[in-house]
Amino acid sequence: MPSAAYRMCHVPPQTDFEYSSDKQMAVQANALRGSSTNKTNHPSHSGRLTTKACENGNTTMIRPLSTKVKCQSFGEQWYMKLLVLWVIAGIIASMWVFYSMNADIVKRRRGTLSNMCEERAWMLQDQFVASMNHVRALTALVTTFALEKQPSALDQTTFAAYTARTSFERPLMSGVAYAQRVLHPEREAFEKAQGWIIKRMHSNDVQPARGEYAPTVLTQETLSHLASLDMMSGEEDCENILRARASGKGALTGPFRLLESNHLGVVLTFTVYKRDLSSEATEEERIQATAGYVGGAFDFESLVENLLRQLAGSQAIIVNVYDITNKSRPLVMYGPNTTDTNEIHVSSLEFGDPVRKHEMRCRFYDPPSIPWSAITTSSGILVIVLLVAHILYAAVNRIEKVEEDYRKMEELKVRAESADIAKSQFLATVSHEIRTPMNGVLGMLQMLKDTDLNMTQKDYAHTAHESGKQLIKLINEVLDQAKIESGRMELESVPFDLRVILDDILSLFSAEIKDKRIELAVFVSKRVPDILVGDPVRLHQIITNLVGNSVKFTEQGHIFVCVHLAEDVDAVGVFTQKGYGSDDMDMQNLILSDTLSGSKAVDGRNSWSTFELLLKNEASQKTTFSSIKPSDPSECVNLVFTVEDTGVGIPLLAQERVFTPFMQADSSTSRNYGGTGIGLSISRYLVELMKGKMDFASQPNVGNHFLLQSACQERGS
């Protein structure tokens, strides 16, 4: 029950019940309540309506008790709390999905940036190390061909040609050069041998006297402007030279502006020794053995840019290379000087100088795009959550409305049941009270007809007597309907002779049949027992109603009533148009016309062919049912009654409401033929009380075929 699942509330009715002011109505109301006036009934288990009866003058009122019952909604507050929790949980879930998906997008973006940056850092470092190795190889070239051979086999022309041809092995270098170590006492002789004087860098002035010099004597064509310049006159180069000869390894300068190109770059320096030194040689030994210096210039602003442009791809990134030897003041070697630290990936670079530290910093050129996938997914989840919440909210409201409607329907049901019971009780009582004086009226009319009356008076008396009989019939039907509705219809169980009942019905309609010139026949199988136990009055009422309807609606043809044992009918089979297994329409029409009067019938069950089969089957049974003493006196006899007519039939649209009380085929039926339309509904109810069933077949302008099965007991011997 919905109210048990969601709400538990009792609402007192708002409307009073008021019935007729007749004194007898008050008596019936008291009988319905089962208590005397001015007493309060206990609530019925079938409803929640509590009534109180009171008498005011001649008026009896049945009204609900004005008890105030508080309605408590146990589930409504929890529903709203759960609904709010659901919405909050949905919002949290959608936010979590958004942040999760956005974090995944950022993670993948950072992973892409990391891969791109590492790839560029690896390529730059690999090319740089390769260039360093080739510069180191030049030191061996200078040692072999310039120092160990006298005179030197390596001059400027040879060195320029060799370095030009091997420049592809140093893709990141703009050029290489060799500077010879010259002490101050050796300066004059050196300058005479070379034919030029030692000059200062940046100004090209004569280099002032100092302890030693490092003038450039061999250069690649790209660095020809360095010839005769003292490398130790530049601050970065001097520091680099001193550090390289002291360590015996390659040394890098910090980033500075290169001569001529004015591009940002670094210089790599290797020391050329006069002899091979052990790895454990001291700094003094290395200085004494120094013959010169081989250096290479890296132009980062052009060379590195050309290298990285090859890997730019569809996702452009900004690359910066820094010298972080001094971490507090990193020096830019390549790329724009920016302070943006968002989405930066740092890759370390190893250029072979243990003193200098370098790193590559990468970031995307474009800012992160809007995470539409995360937004749409989280928004979709939120929309679904809100839709579900709306559906639940609407469902709760709908449930509450259904509960309210159910409560009202329960209230109306109790009122209707009370009113229906009172109406049925009233009809039963009033019908009984009317029937008693009507029987007296009919008796007096019959006695009046037996007196000496003239023809006109006899006609009047006969008409009044017949009208009274019809009124008694109507009253009996209304009384039966009232008993059925109130559940007070009961059956008797007395011995009776079925054949006598059918003879009485024949006699009842004989005059009307004679006037209409139609045939009325009754057949009872020999195997039907002579004496049965049941309710003969109700069985008489059922058959009379069916035959009466047939007589009323039949103008020509016949009416045929048959009674057989159900087992005999089952043995022969159910015979209809399709039961004979013939698809020949002429054959079917012949069967349906093979009837008592020769008129076409709606069904073939009572045709002569079927009748003959039934007779043969019954004849094959050597004993009749009544000649056998049943083993059980309460053994039931299942009878099959059929009533066939060739009347006007029932319209197709009206067939589904044939057994509905007070319903007829159309409005003209009652006007032309009379009747109330409750006879068939009462008959069907009586048949069901007898543990049987009633069915029919009808075709307009052909006729009707009613079939009923009923169970009776055979009287024991």
Foldseek 3Di string as FASTA:
>chain_A
DLCVVWWDWADADDDWAWDDLAQVLQVLLCVLQVHDAQDWGDDDPLFRFTWHWHDDPSTIIIGGDPDDIDTDGPCPVVLVVVLVVLLVVLLVVLVVLLVVVVVVVLVVVLVVQQVLFVVLQVVVQVLLQQLQVVLVVVLVVCLVQVQPDVNGNDAQVNLQVVCVVCCVSNLQFLWKFKWWKAAQVCQVVVCVVLVHAAAEPPPRHGDDGDGIWTATGYIHPSVVVRHSYTLCNDPQSVVQVLVQLQQQFKGKGFWAQDPPVRATWIKIKHFRFNDDDDNPDHSVVSVVRTTIMMMTIGRCAPSSVVVSVVSCPPFGKFKWKWWCLPVVDIHTRYGDDDDDPPSKDKAWHCSPHPNITMIMIMDTPDDDDDPVVSVVVSVVSSVVSVVVSVVSVVVVVVSVVVVVVVSVVSVVVVVVVSVLLSVLSVLLVVLVVVLVVLVVVLVVLVVVLVDDDDPVVNVVSVVVNVVSVVVNVVSVLSNLVSCVSNVNDDWAWAKDFPVVLVVVLCVVCVVLCVVLVEAEEEEEDQQPAGIWIIHSVLVSLLVSLVVVVQSLFANYYYKYKYKDFPVLDVVLDAFFLPVVVDPDPVVSQCQQLQADRSAGWRTNCRHVVNVVSSVVSSVVPVDHNNVDFDPDQQDKTKMKMKITHFGQWADPVCPVCQLPFQDDRDPVCCVRRNDRSNSNVSSQVVQVVQVKGKDKDTDGNGTIMIMIMGIIGGHGD
